[in-house]
Structures are given as C-alpha cells and as structure tokens.
C-alpha cells in the first residue's frame, strides 16, 4: 500500500501540531503504525491523500450513522449556512434543537 503522501504530511504536521495529529488515537502509535491523512469520504468509504480507499467501520466513532457526506445532511448544512454562521444572539433553531433534545 502506498502511503508516501501521508508519511510526508505526518512529518509536516509534526512540526506544528504536538504528536503530528489532533488526537492521540489518530497517531497509530499503539499499533506501531503511521497515521493516514484523509482526503475525502462518501457513504461508508474513506479515501486518503495517497488514493487508498478504506471502509469506515468506525463511522467517526458513532456520529456518522448516515455515512459520510450524506446528501440530505449536506443540503441542510448548506441551507443553514447560507443564512449566516454565527450571530452572537439567540436563534429559533437553537430553541427547536433544544426541544428535540429534551
């Protein structure tokens, strides 16, 4: 398996990010490996920057129950982001989300 780009990116990241990754789990140290750097994901498949494709059995540790880049999720994000991304004031959507949670 070709991991040249991921190896290079890990070296680069190690110069500015402690441990070269944003979480110790992603460092692969417990299995004597090097982390892969992800380029994209769709559904249950993840592709690294070297073009290797993987099945995502982890599902981002749980929150990706619809898979990566699910069309309805992407559309909802776009629709909401087009209205603005941060207001520093309450919104109706906050109330709606809170009601769904409780």
PDB file of N, CA and C in Angstrom:
ATOM      1  N   UNK A   1       0.835  -1.174   0.000  1.00  0.00           N
ATOM      2  CA  UNK A   1       0.000   0.000   0.000  1.00  0.00           C
ATOM      3  C   UNK A   1       0.883   1.242   0.000  1.00  0.00           C
ATOM      4  N   UNK A   2       0.582   2.165  -0.877  1.00  0.00           N
ATOM      5  CA  UNK A   2       1.346   3.404  -0.991  1.00  0.00           C
ATOM      6  C   UNK A   2       0.852   4.412   0.048  1.00  0.00           C
ATOM      7  N   UNK A   3       1.741   4.860   0.928  1.00  0.00           N
ATOM      8  CA  UNK A   3       1.408   5.861   1.944  1.00  0.00           C
ATOM      9  C   UNK A   3       2.411   7.011   1.938  1.00  0.00           C
ATOM     10  N   UNK A   4       3.076   7.239   0.817  1.00  0.00           N
ATOM     11  CA  UNK A   4       4.131   8.259   0.758  1.00  0.00           C
ATOM     12  C   UNK A   4       3.623   9.652   1.118  1.00  0.00           C
ATOM     13  N   UNK A   5       2.472  10.047   0.582  1.00  0.00           N
ATOM     14  CA  UNK A   5       1.944  11.383   0.861  1.00  0.00           C
ATOM     15  C   UNK A   5       1.538  11.518   2.330  1.00  0.00           C
ATOM     16  N   UNK A   6       0.905  10.480   2.882  1.00  0.00           N
ATOM     17  CA  UNK A   6       0.514  10.521   4.296  1.00  0.00           C
ATOM     18  C   UNK A   6       1.735  10.596   5.197  1.00  0.00           C
ATOM     19  N   UNK A   7       2.781   9.844   4.857  1.00  0.00           N
ATOM     20  CA  UNK A   7       4.016   9.883   5.643  1.00  0.00           C
ATOM     21  C   UNK A   7       4.628  11.274   5.602  1.00  0.00           C
ATOM     22  N   UNK A   8       4.664  11.866   4.428  1.00  0.00           N
ATOM     23  CA  UNK A   8       5.207  13.212   4.271  1.00  0.00           C
ATOM     24  C   UNK A   8       4.365  14.237   5.035  1.00  0.00           C
ATOM     25  N   UNK A   9       3.057  14.105   4.943  1.00  0.00           N
ATOM     26  CA  UNK A   9       2.169  15.045   5.636  1.00  0.00           C
ATOM     27  C   UNK A   9       2.291  14.894   7.153  1.00  0.00           C
ATOM     28  N   UNK A  10       2.496  13.670   7.626  1.00  0.00           N
ATOM     29  CA  UNK A  10       2.687  13.445   9.062  1.00  0.00           C
ATOM     30  C   UNK A  10       3.956  14.149   9.541  1.00  0.00           C
ATOM     31  N   UNK A  11       5.011  14.063   8.761  1.00  0.00           N
ATOM     32  CA  UNK A  11       6.254  14.762   9.119  1.00  0.00           C
ATOM     33  C   UNK A  11       6.023  16.272   9.160  1.00  0.00           C
ATOM     34  N   UNK A  12       5.316  16.782   8.182  1.00  0.00           N
ATOM     35  CA  UNK A  12       4.999  18.216   8.140  1.00  0.00           C
ATOM     36  C   UNK A  12       4.149  18.614   9.348  1.00  0.00           C
ATOM     37  N   UNK A  13       3.103  17.847   9.625  1.00  0.00           N
ATOM     38  CA  UNK A  13       2.202  18.152  10.741  1.00  0.00           C
ATOM     39  C   UNK A  13       2.922  18.082  12.080  1.00  0.00           C
ATOM     40  N   UNK A  14       3.887  17.178  12.191  1.00  0.00           N
ATOM     41  CA  UNK A  14       4.637  17.020  13.442  1.00  0.00           C
ATOM     42  C   UNK A  14       5.438  18.266  13.803  1.00  0.00           C
ATOM     43  N   UNK A  15       5.698  19.106  12.820  1.00  0.00           N
ATOM     44  CA  UNK A  15       6.444  20.343  13.071  1.00  0.00           C
ATOM     45  C   UNK A  15       5.579  21.434  13.698  1.00  0.00           C
ATOM     46  N   UNK A  16       4.261  21.326  13.561  1.00  0.00           N
ATOM     47  CA  UNK A  16       3.391  22.382  14.086  1.00  0.00           C
ATOM     48  C   UNK A  16       2.271  21.889  15.006  1.00  0.00           C
ATOM     49  N   UNK A  17       1.996  20.590  15.006  1.00  0.00           N
ATOM     50  CA  UNK A  17       0.948  20.015  15.848  1.00  0.00           C
ATOM     51  C   UNK A  17       1.602  19.001  16.781  1.00  0.00           C
ATOM     52  N   UNK A  18       1.407  19.115  18.102  1.00  0.00           N
ATOM     53  CA  UNK A  18       2.010  18.145  19.022  1.00  0.00           C
ATOM     54  C   UNK A  18       1.629  16.707  18.647  1.00  0.00           C
ATOM     55  N   UNK A  19       2.611  15.870  18.426  1.00  0.00           N
ATOM     56  CA  UNK A  19       2.378  14.488  18.024  1.00  0.00           C
ATOM     57  C   UNK A  19       1.988  14.329  16.569  1.00  0.00           C
ATOM     58  N   UNK A  20       1.824  15.433  15.854  1.00  0.00           N
ATOM     59  CA  UNK A  20       1.513  15.379  14.433  1.00  0.00           C
ATOM     60  C   UNK A  20       0.059  15.112  14.093  1.00  0.00           C
ATOM     61  N   UNK A  21      -0.786  14.945  15.107  1.00  0.00           N
ATOM     62  CA  UNK A  21      -2.206  14.651  14.884  1.00  0.00           C
ATOM     63  C   UNK A  21      -3.049  15.396  15.915  1.00  0.00           C
ATOM     64  N   UNK A  22      -4.364  15.474  15.671  1.00  0.00           N
ATOM     65  CA  UNK A  22      -5.231  16.216  16.580  1.00  0.00           C
ATOM     66  C   UNK A  22      -5.787  15.382  17.726  1.00  0.00           C
ATOM     67  N   UNK A  23      -5.388  14.132  17.835  1.00  0.00           N
ATOM     68  CA  UNK A  23      -5.814  13.260  18.926  1.00  0.00           C
ATOM     69  C   UNK A  23      -4.828  12.104  19.034  1.00  0.00           C
ATOM     70  N   UNK A  24      -4.457  11.710  20.249  1.00  0.00           N
ATOM     71  CA  UNK A  24      -3.510  10.597  20.397  1.00  0.00           C
ATOM     72  C   UNK A  24      -3.975   9.309  19.713  1.00  0.00           C
ATOM     73  N   UNK A  25      -5.285   9.087  19.649  1.00  0.00           N
ATOM     74  CA  UNK A  25      -5.817   7.884  18.999  1.00  0.00           C
ATOM     75  C   UNK A  25      -5.415   7.835  17.531  1.00  0.00           C
ATOM     76  N   UNK A  26      -5.358   8.992  16.893  1.00  0.00           N
ATOM     77  CA  UNK A  26      -5.057   9.056  15.467  1.00  0.00           C
ATOM     78  C   UNK A  26      -3.572   8.885  15.152  1.00  0.00           C
ATOM     79  N   UNK A  27      -2.739   8.801  16.169  1.00  0.00           N
ATOM     80  CA  UNK A  27      -1.295   8.690  15.956  1.00  0.00           C
ATOM     81  C   UNK A  27      -0.862   7.284  15.556  1.00  0.00           C
ATOM     82  N   UNK A  28      -1.696   6.275  15.797  1.00  0.00           N
ATOM     83  CA  UNK A  28      -1.411   4.883  15.423  1.00  0.00           C
ATOM     84  C   UNK A  28      -0.215   4.314  16.184  1.00  0.00           C
ATOM     85  N   UNK A  29       0.253   4.999  17.233  1.00  0.00           N
ATOM     86  CA  UNK A  29       1.437   4.531  17.957  1.00  0.00           C
ATOM     87  C   UNK A  29       1.212   3.186  18.631  1.00  0.00           C
ATOM     88  N   UNK A  30      -0.016   2.933  19.101  1.00  0.00           N
ATOM     89  CA  UNK A  30      -0.283   1.683  19.810  1.00  0.00           C
ATOM     90  C   UNK A  30      -0.183   0.463  18.901  1.00  0.00           C
ATOM     91  N   UNK A  31      -0.178   0.676  17.590  1.00  0.00           N
ATOM     92  CA  UNK A  31      -0.039  -0.446  16.653  1.00  0.00           C
ATOM     93  C   UNK A  31       1.219  -0.306  15.801  1.00  0.00           C
ATOM     94  N   UNK A  32       2.154   0.511  16.286  1.00  0.00           N
ATOM     95  CA  UNK A  32       3.419   0.741  15.577  1.00  0.00           C
ATOM     96  C   UNK A  32       3.211   1.160  14.125  1.00  0.00           C
ATOM     97  N   UNK A  33       2.247   2.024  13.909  1.00  0.00           N
ATOM     98  CA  UNK A  33       1.975   2.493  12.556  1.00  0.00           C
ATOM     99  C   UNK A  33       2.102   3.993  12.440  1.00  0.00           C
ATOM    100  N   UNK A  34       1.878   4.486  11.260  1.00  0.00           N
ATOM    101  CA  UNK A  34       1.862   5.916  10.980  1.00  0.00           C
ATOM    102  C   UNK A  34       0.436   6.282  10.570  1.00  0.00           C
ATOM    103  N   UNK A  35      -0.016   7.474  10.946  1.00  0.00           N
ATOM    104  CA  UNK A  35      -1.384   7.849  10.594  1.00  0.00           C
ATOM    105  C   UNK A  35      -1.559   8.058   9.095  1.00  0.00           C
ATOM    106  N   UNK A  36      -2.765   7.790   8.645  1.00  0.00           N
ATOM    107  CA  UNK A  36      -3.128   8.115   7.272  1.00  0.00           C
ATOM    108  C   UNK A  36      -3.828   9.473   7.299  1.00  0.00           C
ATOM    109  N   UNK A  37      -3.648  10.254   6.268  1.00  0.00           N
ATOM    110  CA  UNK A  37      -4.296  11.557   6.169  1.00  0.00           C
ATOM    111  C   UNK A  37      -5.419  11.448   5.145  1.00  0.00           C
ATOM    112  N   UNK A  38      -6.607  11.839   5.557  1.00  0.00           N
ATOM    113  CA  UNK A  38      -7.802  11.650   4.750  1.00  0.00           C
ATOM    114  C   UNK A  38      -8.012  12.810   3.780  1.00  0.00           C
ATOM    115  N   UNK A  39      -8.390  12.462   2.560  1.00  0.00           N
ATOM    116  CA  UNK A  39      -8.710  13.454   1.534  1.00  0.00           C
ATOM    117  C   UNK A  39     -10.211  13.679   1.453  1.00  0.00           C
ATOM    118  N   UNK A  40     -10.985  12.574   1.446  1.00  0.00           N
ATOM    119  CA  UNK A  40     -12.432  12.694   1.284  1.00  0.00           C
ATOM    120  C   UNK A  40     -13.117  11.428   1.779  1.00  0.00           C
ATOM    121  N   UNK A  41     -14.427  11.535   1.938  1.00  0.00           N
ATOM    122  CA  UNK A  41     -15.220  10.379   2.345  1.00  0.00           C
ATOM    123  C   UNK A  41     -16.624  10.528   1.785  1.00  0.00           C
ATOM    124  N   UNK A  42     -17.233   9.413   1.427  1.00  0.00           N
ATOM    125  CA  UNK A  42     -18.599   9.397   0.908  1.00  0.00           C
ATOM    126  C   UNK A  42     -19.225   8.076   1.313  1.00  0.00           C
ATOM    127  N   UNK A  43     -20.379   8.142   1.943  1.00  0.00           N
ATOM    128  CA  UNK A  43     -21.029   6.921   2.404  1.00  0.00           C
ATOM    129  C   UNK A  43     -20.167   6.208   3.426  1.00  0.00           C
ATOM    130  N   UNK A  44     -19.867   4.948   3.180  1.00  0.00           N
ATOM    131  CA  UNK A  44     -19.043   4.159   4.106  1.00  0.00           C
ATOM    132  C   UNK A  44     -17.572   4.115   3.698  1.00  0.00           C
ATOM    133  N   UNK A  45     -17.198   4.838   2.654  1.00  0.00           N
ATOM    134  CA  UNK A  45     -15.826   4.779   2.133  1.00  0.00           C
ATOM    135  C   UNK A  45     -15.046   6.051   2.459  1.00  0.00           C
ATOM    136  N   UNK A  46     -13.774   5.861   2.820  1.00  0.00           N
ATOM    137  CA  UNK A  46     -12.851   6.963   3.087  1.00  0.00           C
ATOM    138  C   UNK A  46     -11.671   6.802   2.139  1.00  0.00           C
ATOM    139  N   UNK A  47     -11.192   7.906   1.585  1.00  0.00           N
ATOM    140  CA  UNK A  47     -10.031   7.882   0.699  1.00  0.00           C
ATOM    141  C   UNK A  47      -8.945   8.765   1.285  1.00  0.00           C
ATOM    142  N   UNK A  48      -7.723   8.214   1.393  1.00  0.00           N
ATOM    143  CA  UNK A  48      -6.625   9.011   1.940  1.00  0.00           C
ATOM    144  C   UNK A  48      -5.953   9.824   0.833  1.00  0.00           C
ATOM    145  N   UNK A  49      -4.992  10.666   1.229  1.00  0.00           N
ATOM    146  CA  UNK A  49      -4.348  11.553   0.253  1.00  0.00           C
ATOM    147  C   UNK A  49      -3.465  10.803  -0.737  1.00  0.00           C
ATOM    148  N   UNK A  50      -3.230   9.518  -0.488  1.00  0.00           N
ATOM    149  CA  UNK A  50      -2.480   8.683  -1.429  1.00  0.00           C
ATOM    150  C   UNK A  50      -3.405   7.956  -2.398  1.00  0.00           C
ATOM    151  N   UNK A  51      -4.720   8.135  -2.239  1.00  0.00           N
ATOM    152  CA  UNK A  51      -5.675   7.476  -3.124  1.00  0.00           C
ATOM    153  C   UNK A  51      -6.125   6.107  -2.650  1.00  0.00           C
ATOM    154  N   UNK A  52      -5.668   5.652  -1.481  1.00  0.00           N
ATOM    155  CA  UNK A  52      -6.109   4.372  -0.932  1.00  0.00           C
ATOM    156  C   UNK A  52      -7.522   4.524  -0.376  1.00  0.00           C
ATOM    157  N   UNK A  53      -8.371   3.538  -0.652  1.00  0.00           N
ATOM    158  CA  UNK A  53      -9.752   3.589  -0.179  1.00  0.00           C
ATOM    159  C   UNK A  53      -9.955   2.584   0.948  1.00  0.00           C
ATOM    160  N   UNK A  54     -10.710   2.994   1.957  1.00  0.00           N
ATOM    161  CA  UNK A  54     -10.969   2.169   3.131  1.00  0.00           C
ATOM    162  C   UNK A  54     -12.468   2.138   3.404  1.00  0.00           C
ATOM    163  N   UNK A  55     -12.937   1.060   4.019  1.00  0.00           N
ATOM    164  CA  UNK A  55     -14.298   1.012   4.540  1.00  0.00           C
ATOM    165  C   UNK A  55     -14.247   1.567   5.957  1.00  0.00           C
ATOM    166  N   UNK A  56     -15.106   2.524   6.258  1.00  0.00           N
ATOM    167  CA  UNK A  56     -15.122   3.158   7.576  1.00  0.00           C
ATOM    168  C   UNK A  56     -15.995   2.357   8.538  1.00  0.00           C
ATOM    169  N   UNK A  57     -15.397   1.360   9.171  1.00  0.00           N
ATOM    170  CA  UNK A  57     -16.109   0.572  10.165  1.00  0.00           C
ATOM    171  C   UNK A  57     -16.301   1.349  11.465  1.00  0.00           C
ATOM    172  N   UNK A  58     -15.546   2.413  11.665  1.00  0.00           N
ATOM    173  CA  UNK A  58     -15.592   3.195  12.899  1.00  0.00           C
ATOM    174  C   UNK A  58     -16.707   4.248  12.851  1.00  0.00           C
ATOM    175  N   UNK A  59     -17.078   4.703  11.679  1.00  0.00           N
ATOM    176  CA  UNK A  59     -18.117   5.724  11.494  1.00  0.00           C
ATOM    177  C   UNK A  59     -17.868   6.959  12.342  1.00  0.00           C
ATOM    178  N   UNK A  60     -16.630   7.418  12.338  1.00  0.00           N
ATOM    179  CA  UNK A  60     -16.227   8.599  13.102  1.00  0.00           C
ATOM    180  C   UNK A  60     -16.595   8.445  14.576  1.00  0.00           C
ATOM    181  N   UNK A  61     -16.468   7.239  15.079  1.00  0.00           N
ATOM    182  CA  UNK A  61     -16.755   6.883  16.480  1.00  0.00           C
ATOM    183  C   UNK A  61     -18.220   7.101  16.832  1.00  0.00           C
ATOM    184  N   UNK A  62     -19.124   6.971  15.844  1.00  0.00           N
ATOM    185  CA  UNK A  62     -20.548   6.974  16.133  1.00  0.00           C
ATOM    186  C   UNK A  62     -21.426   7.986  15.427  1.00  0.00           C
ATOM    187  N   UNK A  63     -20.981   9.228  15.198  1.00  0.00           N
ATOM    188  CA  UNK A  63     -21.916  10.224  14.683  1.00  0.00           C
ATOM    189  C   UNK A  63     -22.246  10.115  13.195  1.00  0.00           C
ATOM    190  N   UNK A  64     -21.595   9.241  12.463  1.00  0.00           N
ATOM    191  CA  UNK A  64     -21.822   9.163  11.018  1.00  0.00           C
ATOM    192  C   UNK A  64     -22.813   8.050  10.665  1.00  0.00           C
ATOM    193  N   UNK A  65     -23.946   7.997  11.370  1.00  0.00           N
ATOM    194  CA  UNK A  65     -24.885   6.901  11.143  1.00  0.00           C
ATOM    195  C   UNK A  65     -25.492   6.920   9.742  1.00  0.00           C
ATOM    196  N   UNK A  66     -25.485   8.056   9.076  1.00  0.00           N
ATOM    197  CA  UNK A  66     -25.977   8.141   7.702  1.00  0.00           C
ATOM    198  C   UNK A  66     -24.860   8.002   6.683  1.00  0.00           C
ATOM    199  N   UNK A  67     -23.634   7.844   7.162  1.00  0.00           N
ATOM    200  CA  UNK A  67     -22.480   7.783   6.270  1.00  0.00           C
ATOM    201  C   UNK A  67     -21.903   9.170   6.050  1.00  0.00           C
ATOM    202  N   UNK A  68     -20.751   9.218   5.435  1.00  0.00           N
ATOM    203  CA  UNK A  68     -20.077  10.486   5.158  1.00  0.00           C
ATOM    204  C   UNK A  68     -20.747  11.205   3.998  1.00  0.00           C
ATOM    205  N   UNK A  69     -20.844  12.522   4.117  1.00  0.00           N
ATOM    206  CA  UNK A  69     -21.345  13.399   3.048  1.00  0.00           C
ATOM    207  C   UNK A  69     -22.713  12.968   2.527  1.00  0.00           C
ATOM    208  N   UNK A  70     -23.594  12.562   3.442  1.00  0.00           N
ATOM    209  CA  UNK A  70     -24.953  12.174   3.056  1.00  0.00           C
ATOM    210  C   UNK A  70     -25.653  13.392   2.450  1.00  0.00           C
ATOM    211  N   UNK A  71     -26.290  13.202   1.317  1.00  0.00           N
ATOM    212  CA  UNK A  71     -26.846  14.321   0.549  1.00  0.00           C
ATOM    213  C   UNK A  71     -27.806  15.185   1.370  1.00  0.00           C
ATOM    214  N   UNK A  72     -28.689  14.574   2.158  1.00  0.00           N
ATOM    215  CA  UNK A  72     -29.646  15.380   2.925  1.00  0.00           C
ATOM    216  C   UNK A  72     -28.953  16.190   4.017  1.00  0.00           C
ATOM    217  N   UNK A  73     -27.883  15.654   4.590  1.00  0.00           N
ATOM    218  CA  UNK A  73     -27.124  16.385   5.609  1.00  0.00           C
ATOM    219  C   UNK A  73     -26.386  17.556   4.963  1.00  0.00           C
ATOM    220  N   UNK A  74     -25.737  17.308   3.833  1.00  0.00           N
ATOM    221  CA  UNK A  74     -25.016  18.369   3.119  1.00  0.00           C
ATOM    222  C   UNK A  74     -25.980  19.490   2.718  1.00  0.00           C
ATOM    223  N   UNK A  75     -27.161  19.125   2.211  1.00  0.00           N
ATOM    224  CA  UNK A  75     -28.141  20.138   1.804  1.00  0.00           C
ATOM    225  C   UNK A  75     -28.621  20.964   2.991  1.00  0.00           C
ATOM    226  N   UNK A  76     -28.867  20.318   4.133  1.00  0.00           N
ATOM    227  CA  UNK A  76     -29.309  21.041   5.331  1.00  0.00           C
ATOM    228  C   UNK A  76     -28.224  21.987   5.829  1.00  0.00           C
ATOM    229  N   UNK A  77     -26.977  21.549   5.779  1.00  0.00           N
ATOM    230  CA  UNK A  77     -25.861  22.410   6.197  1.00  0.00           C
ATOM    231  C   UNK A  77     -25.757  23.621   5.276  1.00  0.00           C
ATOM    232  N   UNK A  78     -25.837  23.387   3.965  1.00  0.00           N
ATOM    233  CA  UNK A  78     -25.757  24.494   3.003  1.00  0.00           C
ATOM    234  C   UNK A  78     -26.882  25.500   3.241  1.00  0.00           C
ATOM    235  N   UNK A  79     -28.098  24.989   3.388  1.00  0.00           N
ATOM    236  CA  UNK A  79     -29.263  25.858   3.580  1.00  0.00           C
ATOM    237  C   UNK A  79     -29.115  26.707   4.843  1.00  0.00           C
ATOM    238  N   UNK A  80     -28.653  26.094   5.905  1.00  0.00           N
ATOM    239  CA  UNK A  80     -28.484  26.812   7.166  1.00  0.00           C
ATOM    240  C   UNK A  80     -27.324  27.796   7.086  1.00  0.00           C
ATOM    241  N   UNK A  81     -26.193  27.387   6.517  1.00  0.00           N
ATOM    242  CA  UNK A  81     -25.014  28.258   6.427  1.00  0.00           C
ATOM    243  C   UNK A  81     -25.276  29.480   5.551  1.00  0.00           C
ATOM    244  N   UNK A  82     -26.138  29.333   4.543  1.00  0.00           N
ATOM    245  CA  UNK A  82     -26.456  30.470   3.677  1.00  0.00           C
ATOM    246  C   UNK A  82     -27.178  31.585   4.429  1.00  0.00           C
ATOM    247  N   UNK A  83     -27.783  31.247   5.575  1.00  0.00           N
ATOM    248  CA  UNK A  83     -28.469  32.252   6.399  1.00  0.00           C
ATOM    249  C   UNK A  83     -27.493  32.980   7.324  1.00  0.00           C
ATOM    250  N   UNK A  84     -26.280  32.461   7.436  1.00  0.00           N
ATOM    251  CA  UNK A  84     -25.271  33.028   8.329  1.00  0.00           C
ATOM    252  C   UNK A  84     -24.720  31.923   9.216  1.00  0.00           C
ATOM    253  N   UNK A  85     -23.531  32.139   9.765  1.00  0.00           N
ATOM    254  CA  UNK A  85     -22.896  31.061  10.537  1.00  0.00           C
ATOM    255  C   UNK A  85     -22.721  31.347  12.018  1.00  0.00           C
ATOM    256  N   UNK A  86     -22.707  32.606  12.422  1.00  0.00           N
ATOM    257  CA  UNK A  86     -22.574  32.930  13.843  1.00  0.00           C
ATOM    258  C   UNK A  86     -23.104  34.336  14.065  1.00  0.00           C
ATOM    259  N   UNK A  87     -24.059  34.464  14.979  1.00  0.00           N
ATOM    260  CA  UNK A  87     -24.725  35.749  15.160  1.00  0.00           C
ATOM    261  C   UNK A  87     -24.427  36.417  16.497  1.00  0.00           C
ATOM    262  N   UNK A  88     -23.994  35.655  17.484  1.00  0.00           N
ATOM    263  CA  UNK A  88     -23.793  36.224  18.810  1.00  0.00           C
ATOM    264  C   UNK A  88     -25.112  36.616  19.454  1.00  0.00           C
ATOM    265  N   UNK A  89     -26.208  36.007  18.995  1.00  0.00           N
ATOM    266  CA  UNK A  89     -27.549  36.264  19.517  1.00  0.00           C
ATOM    267  C   UNK A  89     -28.377  34.993  19.341  1.00  0.00           C
ATOM    268  N   UNK A  90     -29.448  34.835  20.121  1.00  0.00           N
ATOM    269  CA  UNK A  90     -30.265  33.621  20.014  1.00  0.00           C
ATOM    270  C   UNK A  90     -30.937  33.492  18.647  1.00  0.00           C
ATOM    271  N   UNK A  91     -31.218  32.246  18.277  1.00  0.00           N
ATOM    272  CA  UNK A  91     -31.950  31.967  17.043  1.00  0.00           C
ATOM    273  C   UNK A  91     -33.077  30.985  17.341  1.00  0.00           C
ATOM    274  N   UNK A  92     -34.066  30.947  16.468  1.00  0.00           N
ATOM    275  CA  UNK A  92     -35.168  29.999  16.629  1.00  0.00           C
ATOM    276  C   UNK A  92     -34.663  28.563  16.523  1.00  0.00           C
ATOM    277  N   UNK A  93     -33.664  28.344  15.693  1.00  0.00           N
ATOM    278  CA  UNK A  93     -33.131  26.995  15.515  1.00  0.00           C
ATOM    279  C   UNK A  93     -32.575  26.440  16.828  1.00  0.00           C
ATOM    280  N   UNK A  94     -31.981  27.302  17.655  1.00  0.00           N
ATOM    281  CA  UNK A  94     -31.481  26.849  18.959  1.00  0.00           C
ATOM    282  C   UNK A  94     -32.614  26.292  19.808  1.00  0.00           C
ATOM    283  N   UNK A  95     -33.751  26.996  19.829  1.00  0.00           N
ATOM    284  CA  UNK A  95     -34.910  26.540  20.605  1.00  0.00           C
ATOM    285  C   UNK A  95     -35.445  25.222  20.059  1.00  0.00           C
ATOM    286  N   UNK A  96     -35.529  25.134  18.735  1.00  0.00           N
ATOM    287  CA  UNK A  96     -36.015  23.904  18.109  1.00  0.00           C
ATOM    288  C   UNK A  96     -35.113  22.723  18.447  1.00  0.00           C
ATOM    289  N   UNK A  97     -33.808  22.921  18.386  1.00  0.00           N
ATOM    290  CA  UNK A  97     -32.856  21.850  18.712  1.00  0.00           C
ATOM    291  C   UNK A  97     -32.977  21.445  20.177  1.00  0.00           C
ATOM    292  N   UNK A  98     -33.093  22.423  21.070  1.00  0.00           N
ATOM    293  CA  UNK A  98     -33.221  22.129  22.499  1.00  0.00           C
ATOM    294  C   UNK A  98     -34.477  21.306  22.766  1.00  0.00           C
ATOM    295  N   UNK A  99     -35.584  21.643  22.109  1.00  0.00           N
ATOM    296  CA  UNK A  99     -36.829  20.891  22.286  1.00  0.00           C
ATOM    297  C   UNK A  99     -36.683  19.459  21.789  1.00  0.00           C
ATOM    298  N   UNK A 100     -35.956  19.255  20.715  1.00  0.00           N
ATOM    299  CA  UNK A 100     -35.729  17.898  20.208  1.00  0.00           C
ATOM    300  C   UNK A 100     -34.894  17.068  21.174  1.00  0.00           C
ATOM    301  N   UNK A 101     -33.948  17.725  21.839  1.00  0.00           N
ATOM    302  CA  UNK A 101     -33.060  17.017  22.766  1.00  0.00           C
ATOM    303  C   UNK A 101     -33.795  16.597  24.029  1.00  0.00           C
ATOM    304  N   UNK A 102     -34.648  17.489  24.558  1.00  0.00           N
ATOM    305  CA  UNK A 102     -35.342  17.139  25.803  1.00  0.00           C
ATOM    306  C   UNK A 102     -36.649  16.457  25.493  1.00  0.00           C
TER     307      UNK A 102
END
